[in-house]
């Protein structure tokens, strides 16, 4: 297993250096080039009921967790107490859970002045219908945004697509005068529809493909898939509303 993930990391490094155009390189995350096709499904444990609906594994779970741990280290180093971690449900719950577990490990090993309490809040932002962003953002949950006043807010999101949803949320949160607001997103998608927003912490920058797994869904399906995969057209038709 260790040798396999070492090979995964090497292949990612080679892809990033040899296939990525100069204007698309980024130094804040792992960037997957547009022609990156991931790994065959047969190399991983994929639930049989999902296997016919997937193109390939884009990001294996082990690689995701290693990257999330690194993000937790950076966040712990940069943020100041008091902290409120705001999870964007539903797609962000797995990233949020793993990130906070690694974050708590950092505090256990930190000096007394870098060990502090962490409050947790949850919110839902609905902007997708099927595989398309509707453009209309609905904010659900967390009625008392006053709790964020004077706090260091960490928003934890699964994926930033066009950026419109996140800019909408940031505008709302900033009305309550937090001490600071930072955003950690596991994924950022390259899309011509982007408004140019980029989070403070990014796990992976990915091509413009619709991905599922690791709590990311397609019409509420695929959240129980461990790896992040690209859904195929048959899968979209099968689970279309």
C-alpha atoms as a PDB file:
ATOM      1  CA  UNK A   1       0.000   0.000   0.000  1.00  0.00           C
ATOM      2  CA  UNK A   2       2.783   2.434   0.883  1.00  0.00           C
ATOM      3  CA  UNK A   3       4.565   1.675  -2.371  1.00  0.00           C
ATOM      4  CA  UNK A   4       1.364   2.260  -4.318  1.00  0.00           C
ATOM      5  CA  UNK A   5       0.737   5.692  -2.804  1.00  0.00           C
ATOM      6  CA  UNK A   6       4.384   6.592  -3.301  1.00  0.00           C
ATOM      7  CA  UNK A   7       3.882   5.796  -6.984  1.00  0.00           C
ATOM      8  CA  UNK A   8       0.732   7.933  -6.994  1.00  0.00           C
ATOM      9  CA  UNK A   9       2.650  10.914  -5.611  1.00  0.00           C
ATOM     10  CA  UNK A  10       5.473  10.467  -8.111  1.00  0.00           C
ATOM     11  CA  UNK A  11       3.063  10.294 -11.044  1.00  0.00           C
ATOM     12  CA  UNK A  12       1.281  13.417  -9.820  1.00  0.00           C
ATOM     13  CA  UNK A  13       4.566  15.271  -9.561  1.00  0.00           C
ATOM     14  CA  UNK A  14       5.557  14.248 -13.072  1.00  0.00           C
ATOM     15  CA  UNK A  15       2.167  15.256 -14.444  1.00  0.00           C
ATOM     16  CA  UNK A  16       2.363  18.658 -12.787  1.00  0.00           C
ATOM     17  CA  UNK A  17       5.817  19.433 -14.127  1.00  0.00           C
ATOM     18  CA  UNK A  18       5.551  17.984 -17.617  1.00  0.00           C
ATOM     19  CA  UNK A  19       1.957  18.561 -18.727  1.00  0.00           C
ATOM     20  CA  UNK A  20       0.743  21.693 -16.998  1.00  0.00           C
ATOM     21  CA  UNK A  21       0.913  24.958 -18.961  1.00  0.00           C
ATOM     22  CA  UNK A  22       2.951  27.710 -17.310  1.00  0.00           C
ATOM     23  CA  UNK A  23      -0.068  29.963 -16.810  1.00  0.00           C
ATOM     24  CA  UNK A  24      -1.892  27.244 -14.868  1.00  0.00           C
ATOM     25  CA  UNK A  25       0.757  26.387 -12.294  1.00  0.00           C
ATOM     26  CA  UNK A  26      -0.068  27.167  -8.658  1.00  0.00           C
ATOM     27  CA  UNK A  27       2.122  27.015  -5.571  1.00  0.00           C
ATOM     28  CA  UNK A  28      -0.633  26.808  -2.941  1.00  0.00           C
ATOM     29  CA  UNK A  29      -1.934  23.329  -3.774  1.00  0.00           C
ATOM     30  CA  UNK A  30      -1.523  20.207  -5.888  1.00  0.00           C
ATOM     31  CA  UNK A  31      -2.632  21.016  -9.433  1.00  0.00           C
ATOM     32  CA  UNK A  32      -4.010  18.282 -11.674  1.00  0.00           C
ATOM     33  CA  UNK A  33      -3.594  19.174 -15.379  1.00  0.00           C
ATOM     34  CA  UNK A  34      -6.485  19.078 -17.816  1.00  0.00           C
ATOM     35  CA  UNK A  35      -5.318  15.821 -19.407  1.00  0.00           C
ATOM     36  CA  UNK A  36      -4.913  14.039 -16.063  1.00  0.00           C
ATOM     37  CA  UNK A  37      -6.994  10.835 -16.163  1.00  0.00           C
ATOM     38  CA  UNK A  38      -6.398   9.464 -12.686  1.00  0.00           C
ATOM     39  CA  UNK A  39      -6.447   5.731 -11.996  1.00  0.00           C
ATOM     40  CA  UNK A  40      -8.468   2.739 -13.104  1.00  0.00           C
ATOM     41  CA  UNK A  41     -11.315   1.619 -10.872  1.00  0.00           C
ATOM     42  CA  UNK A  42      -9.888  -1.890 -10.602  1.00  0.00           C
ATOM     43  CA  UNK A  43      -6.998  -0.640  -8.465  1.00  0.00           C
ATOM     44  CA  UNK A  44      -9.332   0.467  -5.651  1.00  0.00           C
ATOM     45  CA  UNK A  45     -12.200  -0.773  -3.497  1.00  0.00           C
ATOM     46  CA  UNK A  46     -15.228   0.674  -5.274  1.00  0.00           C
ATOM     47  CA  UNK A  47     -18.780  -0.298  -4.191  1.00  0.00           C
ATOM     48  CA  UNK A  48     -20.205  -2.534  -6.880  1.00  0.00           C
ATOM     49  CA  UNK A  49     -23.394  -0.489  -7.152  1.00  0.00           C
ATOM     50  CA  UNK A  50     -21.324   2.546  -8.213  1.00  0.00           C
ATOM     51  CA  UNK A  51     -18.624   0.998 -10.401  1.00  0.00           C
ATOM     52  CA  UNK A  52     -20.588   1.176 -13.718  1.00  0.00           C
ATOM     53  CA  UNK A  53     -21.306   4.868 -13.111  1.00  0.00           C
ATOM     54  CA  UNK A  54     -17.703   6.097 -12.771  1.00  0.00           C
ATOM     55  CA  UNK A  55     -15.004   6.999 -15.301  1.00  0.00           C
ATOM     56  CA  UNK A  56     -11.944   6.752 -13.053  1.00  0.00           C
ATOM     57  CA  UNK A  57     -10.535   7.552  -9.616  1.00  0.00           C
ATOM     58  CA  UNK A  58      -9.295  11.135  -9.619  1.00  0.00           C
ATOM     59  CA  UNK A  59      -7.965  11.237  -6.044  1.00  0.00           C
ATOM     60  CA  UNK A  60      -7.513   8.159  -3.842  1.00  0.00           C
ATOM     61  CA  UNK A  61      -8.608   8.451  -0.219  1.00  0.00           C
ATOM     62  CA  UNK A  62      -5.094   7.972   1.164  1.00  0.00           C
ATOM     63  CA  UNK A  63      -3.735  10.847  -0.915  1.00  0.00           C
ATOM     64  CA  UNK A  64      -6.634  13.055   0.170  1.00  0.00           C
ATOM     65  CA  UNK A  65      -5.980  12.388   3.860  1.00  0.00           C
ATOM     66  CA  UNK A  66      -2.278  13.138   3.543  1.00  0.00           C
ATOM     67  CA  UNK A  67      -3.060  16.459   1.890  1.00  0.00           C
ATOM     68  CA  UNK A  68      -5.741  17.294   4.491  1.00  0.00           C
ATOM     69  CA  UNK A  69      -3.225  16.733   7.287  1.00  0.00           C
ATOM     70  CA  UNK A  70      -0.864  19.212   5.637  1.00  0.00           C
ATOM     71  CA  UNK A  71      -3.662  21.779   5.376  1.00  0.00           C
ATOM     72  CA  UNK A  72      -4.436  21.331   9.082  1.00  0.00           C
ATOM     73  CA  UNK A  73      -0.799  22.124   9.900  1.00  0.00           C
ATOM     74  CA  UNK A  74      -0.921  25.341   7.865  1.00  0.00           C
ATOM     75  CA  UNK A  75      -4.245  26.433   9.355  1.00  0.00           C
ATOM     76  CA  UNK A  76      -3.054  25.821  12.929  1.00  0.00           C
ATOM     77  CA  UNK A  77       0.067  27.859  12.236  1.00  0.00           C
ATOM     78  CA  UNK A  78      -1.802  30.848  10.800  1.00  0.00           C
ATOM     79  CA  UNK A  79      -5.074  31.210  12.707  1.00  0.00           C
ATOM     80  CA  UNK A  80      -5.637  32.987  16.023  1.00  0.00           C
ATOM     81  CA  UNK A  81      -8.095  32.237  18.832  1.00  0.00           C
ATOM     82  CA  UNK A  82     -11.016  32.358  19.331  1.00  0.00           C
ATOM     83  CA  UNK A  83     -11.830  30.148  16.331  1.00  0.00           C
ATOM     84  CA  UNK A  84     -15.184  29.129  14.909  1.00  0.00           C
ATOM     85  CA  UNK A  85     -15.000  26.365  12.308  1.00  0.00           C
ATOM     86  CA  UNK A  86     -17.974  26.612   9.967  1.00  0.00           C
ATOM     87  CA  UNK A  87     -18.744  23.452   8.007  1.00  0.00           C
ATOM     88  CA  UNK A  88     -20.590  23.840   4.701  1.00  0.00           C
ATOM     89  CA  UNK A  89     -22.903  20.829   4.500  1.00  0.00           C
ATOM     90  CA  UNK A  90     -23.499  18.361   3.090  1.00  0.00           C
ATOM     91  CA  UNK A  91     -20.523  17.891   0.801  1.00  0.00           C
ATOM     92  CA  UNK A  92     -18.016  19.335   3.236  1.00  0.00           C
ATOM     93  CA  UNK A  93     -18.711  17.048   6.194  1.00  0.00           C
ATOM     94  CA  UNK A  94     -16.021  14.438   5.451  1.00  0.00           C
ATOM     95  CA  UNK A  95     -13.337  17.032   4.724  1.00  0.00           C
ATOM     96  CA  UNK A  96     -14.449  18.963   7.815  1.00  0.00           C
ATOM     97  CA  UNK A  97     -14.273  15.883  10.053  1.00  0.00           C
ATOM     98  CA  UNK A  98     -10.828  14.808   8.858  1.00  0.00           C
ATOM     99  CA  UNK A  99      -9.456  18.366   8.886  1.00  0.00           C
ATOM    100  CA  UNK A 100     -10.580  18.993  12.473  1.00  0.00           C
ATOM    101  CA  UNK A 101      -9.205  15.640  13.638  1.00  0.00           C
ATOM    102  CA  UNK A 102      -5.788  16.562  12.246  1.00  0.00           C
ATOM    103  CA  UNK A 103      -6.188  20.086  13.656  1.00  0.00           C
ATOM    104  CA  UNK A 104      -6.829  18.700  17.155  1.00  0.00           C
ATOM    105  CA  UNK A 105      -3.710  16.565  16.851  1.00  0.00           C
ATOM    106  CA  UNK A 106      -1.755  19.726  16.092  1.00  0.00           C
ATOM    107  CA  UNK A 107      -3.075  21.356  19.265  1.00  0.00           C
ATOM    108  CA  UNK A 108      -2.159  18.324  21.356  1.00  0.00           C
ATOM    109  CA  UNK A 109       1.444  18.677  20.205  1.00  0.00           C
ATOM    110  CA  UNK A 110       1.530  22.480  20.339  1.00  0.00           C
ATOM    111  CA  UNK A 111       2.932  24.820  22.952  1.00  0.00           C
ATOM    112  CA  UNK A 112       0.399  26.095  25.551  1.00  0.00           C
ATOM    113  CA  UNK A 113      -0.094  29.423  23.763  1.00  0.00           C
ATOM    114  CA  UNK A 114      -0.942  27.607  20.488  1.00  0.00           C
ATOM    115  CA  UNK A 115      -3.503  25.269  22.070  1.00  0.00           C
ATOM    116  CA  UNK A 116      -7.012  26.720  22.106  1.00  0.00           C
ATOM    117  CA  UNK A 117     -10.676  25.788  22.042  1.00  0.00           C
ATOM    118  CA  UNK A 118     -12.537  25.427  18.799  1.00  0.00           C
ATOM    119  CA  UNK A 119     -16.225  26.116  18.287  1.00  0.00           C
ATOM    120  CA  UNK A 120     -18.109  24.319  15.537  1.00  0.00           C
ATOM    121  CA  UNK A 121     -21.051  25.512  13.444  1.00  0.00           C
ATOM    122  CA  UNK A 122     -22.857  24.060  10.435  1.00  0.00           C
ATOM    123  CA  UNK A 123     -24.528  25.619   7.426  1.00  0.00           C
ATOM    124  CA  UNK A 124     -25.913  24.546   4.068  1.00  0.00           C
ATOM    125  CA  UNK A 125     -25.549  26.405   0.799  1.00  0.00           C
ATOM    126  CA  UNK A 126     -27.648  25.121  -2.058  1.00  0.00           C
ATOM    127  CA  UNK A 127     -26.684  26.159  -5.565  1.00  0.00           C
ATOM    128  CA  UNK A 128     -26.602  22.891  -7.576  1.00  0.00           C
ATOM    129  CA  UNK A 129     -29.336  21.131  -9.512  1.00  0.00           C
ATOM    130  CA  UNK A 130     -27.849  17.923 -10.896  1.00  0.00           C
ATOM    131  CA  UNK A 131     -24.401  18.771 -12.285  1.00  0.00           C
ATOM    132  CA  UNK A 132     -25.183  22.446 -12.967  1.00  0.00           C
ATOM    133  CA  UNK A 133     -24.806  25.456 -10.707  1.00  0.00           C
ATOM    134  CA  UNK A 134     -28.158  27.245 -10.617  1.00  0.00           C
ATOM    135  CA  UNK A 135     -26.668  30.634  -9.792  1.00  0.00           C
ATOM    136  CA  UNK A 136     -29.168  31.134  -6.952  1.00  0.00           C
ATOM    137  CA  UNK A 137     -27.662  30.585  -3.491  1.00  0.00           C
ATOM    138  CA  UNK A 138     -29.814  29.497  -0.573  1.00  0.00           C
ATOM    139  CA  UNK A 139     -28.353  29.770   2.949  1.00  0.00           C
ATOM    140  CA  UNK A 140     -29.818  27.161   5.315  1.00  0.00           C
ATOM    141  CA  UNK A 141     -29.078  26.811   9.021  1.00  0.00           C
ATOM    142  CA  UNK A 142     -27.180  28.831  11.664  1.00  0.00           C
ATOM    143  CA  UNK A 143     -29.803  31.441  12.495  1.00  0.00           C
ATOM    144  CA  UNK A 144     -27.531  33.333  14.910  1.00  0.00           C
ATOM    145  CA  UNK A 145     -24.648  34.735  12.877  1.00  0.00           C
ATOM    146  CA  UNK A 146     -23.909  37.081  15.811  1.00  0.00           C
ATOM    147  CA  UNK A 147     -21.904  34.200  17.268  1.00  0.00           C
ATOM    148  CA  UNK A 148     -19.220  34.984  14.667  1.00  0.00           C
ATOM    149  CA  UNK A 149     -18.660  38.565  15.835  1.00  0.00           C
ATOM    150  CA  UNK A 150     -15.042  39.130  16.889  1.00  0.00           C
ATOM    151  CA  UNK A 151     -14.089  35.510  16.139  1.00  0.00           C
ATOM    152  CA  UNK A 152     -11.596  33.985  13.716  1.00  0.00           C
ATOM    153  CA  UNK A 153     -13.871  32.160  11.285  1.00  0.00           C
ATOM    154  CA  UNK A 154     -12.681  29.180   9.272  1.00  0.00           C
ATOM    155  CA  UNK A 155     -15.129  28.177   6.541  1.00  0.00           C
ATOM    156  CA  UNK A 156     -14.625  24.581   5.410  1.00  0.00           C
ATOM    157  CA  UNK A 157     -15.978  23.768   1.952  1.00  0.00           C
ATOM    158  CA  UNK A 158     -15.744  20.696  -0.260  1.00  0.00           C
ATOM    159  CA  UNK A 159     -15.305  22.398  -3.635  1.00  0.00           C
ATOM    160  CA  UNK A 160     -15.170  25.886  -5.129  1.00  0.00           C
ATOM    161  CA  UNK A 161     -16.550  25.883  -8.674  1.00  0.00           C
ATOM    162  CA  UNK A 162     -17.489  29.298 -10.056  1.00  0.00           C
ATOM    163  CA  UNK A 163     -16.861  30.950  -6.679  1.00  0.00           C
ATOM    164  CA  UNK A 164     -20.254  32.672  -6.666  1.00  0.00           C
ATOM    165  CA  UNK A 165     -21.573  30.598  -3.766  1.00  0.00           C
ATOM    166  CA  UNK A 166     -18.594  31.336  -1.535  1.00  0.00           C
ATOM    167  CA  UNK A 167     -18.500  35.059  -2.321  1.00  0.00           C
ATOM    168  CA  UNK A 168     -22.189  35.185  -1.388  1.00  0.00           C
ATOM    169  CA  UNK A 169     -21.477  33.533   1.980  1.00  0.00           C
ATOM    170  CA  UNK A 170     -18.447  35.734   2.686  1.00  0.00           C
ATOM    171  CA  UNK A 171     -20.502  38.856   2.063  1.00  0.00           C
ATOM    172  CA  UNK A 172     -23.098  37.666   4.567  1.00  0.00           C
ATOM    173  CA  UNK A 173     -20.548  36.688   7.255  1.00  0.00           C
ATOM    174  CA  UNK A 174     -18.588  39.929   6.982  1.00  0.00           C
ATOM    175  CA  UNK A 175     -21.736  41.842   7.929  1.00  0.00           C
ATOM    176  CA  UNK A 176     -21.220  40.522  11.483  1.00  0.00           C
ATOM    177  CA  UNK A 177     -17.663  41.857  11.867  1.00  0.00           C
ATOM    178  CA  UNK A 178     -15.641  38.716  12.610  1.00  0.00           C
ATOM    179  CA  UNK A 179     -11.987  39.150  13.612  1.00  0.00           C
ATOM    180  CA  UNK A 180     -11.010  37.361  10.412  1.00  0.00           C
ATOM    181  CA  UNK A 181     -12.486  35.007   7.833  1.00  0.00           C
ATOM    182  CA  UNK A 182     -10.502  32.306   6.050  1.00  0.00           C
ATOM    183  CA  UNK A 183     -11.713  29.579   3.710  1.00  0.00           C
ATOM    184  CA  UNK A 184     -10.366  26.051   3.329  1.00  0.00           C
ATOM    185  CA  UNK A 185     -11.610  24.161   0.279  1.00  0.00           C
ATOM    186  CA  UNK A 186     -10.542  20.632  -0.529  1.00  0.00           C
ATOM    187  CA  UNK A 187     -11.004  21.237  -4.260  1.00  0.00           C
ATOM    188  CA  UNK A 188     -10.952  24.172  -6.652  1.00  0.00           C
ATOM    189  CA  UNK A 189     -12.256  23.501 -10.143  1.00  0.00           C
ATOM    190  CA  UNK A 190     -10.833  25.236 -13.202  1.00  0.00           C
ATOM    191  CA  UNK A 191     -13.808  26.559 -15.106  1.00  0.00           C
ATOM    192  CA  UNK A 192     -14.326  29.418 -17.584  1.00  0.00           C
ATOM    193  CA  UNK A 193     -17.298  30.467 -15.441  1.00  0.00           C
ATOM    194  CA  UNK A 194     -15.100  31.298 -12.434  1.00  0.00           C
ATOM    195  CA  UNK A 195     -15.483  34.760 -10.919  1.00  0.00           C
ATOM    196  CA  UNK A 196     -11.817  34.659  -9.913  1.00  0.00           C
ATOM    197  CA  UNK A 197     -12.276  33.845  -6.232  1.00  0.00           C
ATOM    198  CA  UNK A 198      -9.647  31.573  -4.630  1.00  0.00           C
ATOM    199  CA  UNK A 199      -9.767  30.213  -1.049  1.00  0.00           C
ATOM    200  CA  UNK A 200      -7.009  30.755   1.518  1.00  0.00           C
ATOM    201  CA  UNK A 201      -6.284  27.024   1.731  1.00  0.00           C
ATOM    202  CA  UNK A 202      -6.702  24.621  -1.191  1.00  0.00           C
ATOM    203  CA  UNK A 203      -6.123  20.889  -1.294  1.00  0.00           C
ATOM    204  CA  UNK A 204      -6.229  20.215  -5.019  1.00  0.00           C
ATOM    205  CA  UNK A 205      -6.939  22.205  -8.170  1.00  0.00           C
ATOM    206  CA  UNK A 206      -8.775  19.944 -10.602  1.00  0.00           C
ATOM    207  CA  UNK A 207      -9.931  20.031 -14.246  1.00  0.00           C
ATOM    208  CA  UNK A 208     -13.464  21.014 -15.203  1.00  0.00           C
ATOM    209  CA  UNK A 209     -15.077  17.632 -14.556  1.00  0.00           C
ATOM    210  CA  UNK A 210     -17.951  16.668 -12.270  1.00  0.00           C
ATOM    211  CA  UNK A 211     -16.564  14.738  -9.306  1.00  0.00           C
ATOM    212  CA  UNK A 212     -18.211  12.617  -6.632  1.00  0.00           C
ATOM    213  CA  UNK A 213     -17.161  10.751  -3.516  1.00  0.00           C
ATOM    214  CA  UNK A 214     -15.584  11.664  -0.176  1.00  0.00           C
ATOM    215  CA  UNK A 215     -19.011  13.198   0.652  1.00  0.00           C
ATOM    216  CA  UNK A 216     -19.365  15.031  -2.693  1.00  0.00           C
ATOM    217  CA  UNK A 217     -22.623  14.001  -4.312  1.00  0.00           C
ATOM    218  CA  UNK A 218     -24.620  13.882  -7.492  1.00  0.00           C
ATOM    219  CA  UNK A 219     -28.278  14.401  -6.526  1.00  0.00           C
ATOM    220  CA  UNK A 220     -27.477  12.969  -3.046  1.00  0.00           C
ATOM    221  CA  UNK A 221     -25.770   9.828  -4.385  1.00  0.00           C
ATOM    222  CA  UNK A 222     -22.075   8.864  -4.063  1.00  0.00           C
ATOM    223  CA  UNK A 223     -21.487  10.485  -0.645  1.00  0.00           C
ATOM    224  CA  UNK A 224     -20.603   7.020   0.683  1.00  0.00           C
ATOM    225  CA  UNK A 225     -17.763   6.583  -1.827  1.00  0.00           C
ATOM    226  CA  UNK A 226     -14.314   6.820  -0.172  1.00  0.00           C
ATOM    227  CA  UNK A 227     -12.350   8.114  -3.168  1.00  0.00           C
ATOM    228  CA  UNK A 228     -13.004  11.172  -5.323  1.00  0.00           C
ATOM    229  CA  UNK A 229     -14.015   9.959  -8.774  1.00  0.00           C
ATOM    230  CA  UNK A 230     -15.301  11.368 -12.043  1.00  0.00           C
ATOM    231  CA  UNK A 231     -18.877  10.351 -12.809  1.00  0.00           C
ATOM    232  CA  UNK A 232     -19.628   9.158 -16.347  1.00  0.00           C
ATOM    233  CA  UNK A 233     -22.565  10.115 -18.560  1.00  0.00           C
ATOM    234  CA  UNK A 234     -24.402   6.883 -17.826  1.00  0.00           C
ATOM    235  CA  UNK A 235     -24.176   7.654 -14.127  1.00  0.00           C
ATOM    236  CA  UNK A 236     -25.562  11.152 -14.654  1.00  0.00           C
ATOM    237  CA  UNK A 237     -28.536   9.737 -16.555  1.00  0.00           C
ATOM    238  CA  UNK A 238     -29.094   7.003 -13.974  1.00  0.00           C
ATOM    239  CA  UNK A 239     -29.218   9.364 -10.996  1.00  0.00           C
ATOM    240  CA  UNK A 240     -30.778  12.387 -12.701  1.00  0.00           C
ATOM    241  CA  UNK A 241     -33.776  13.871 -10.979  1.00  0.00           C
END
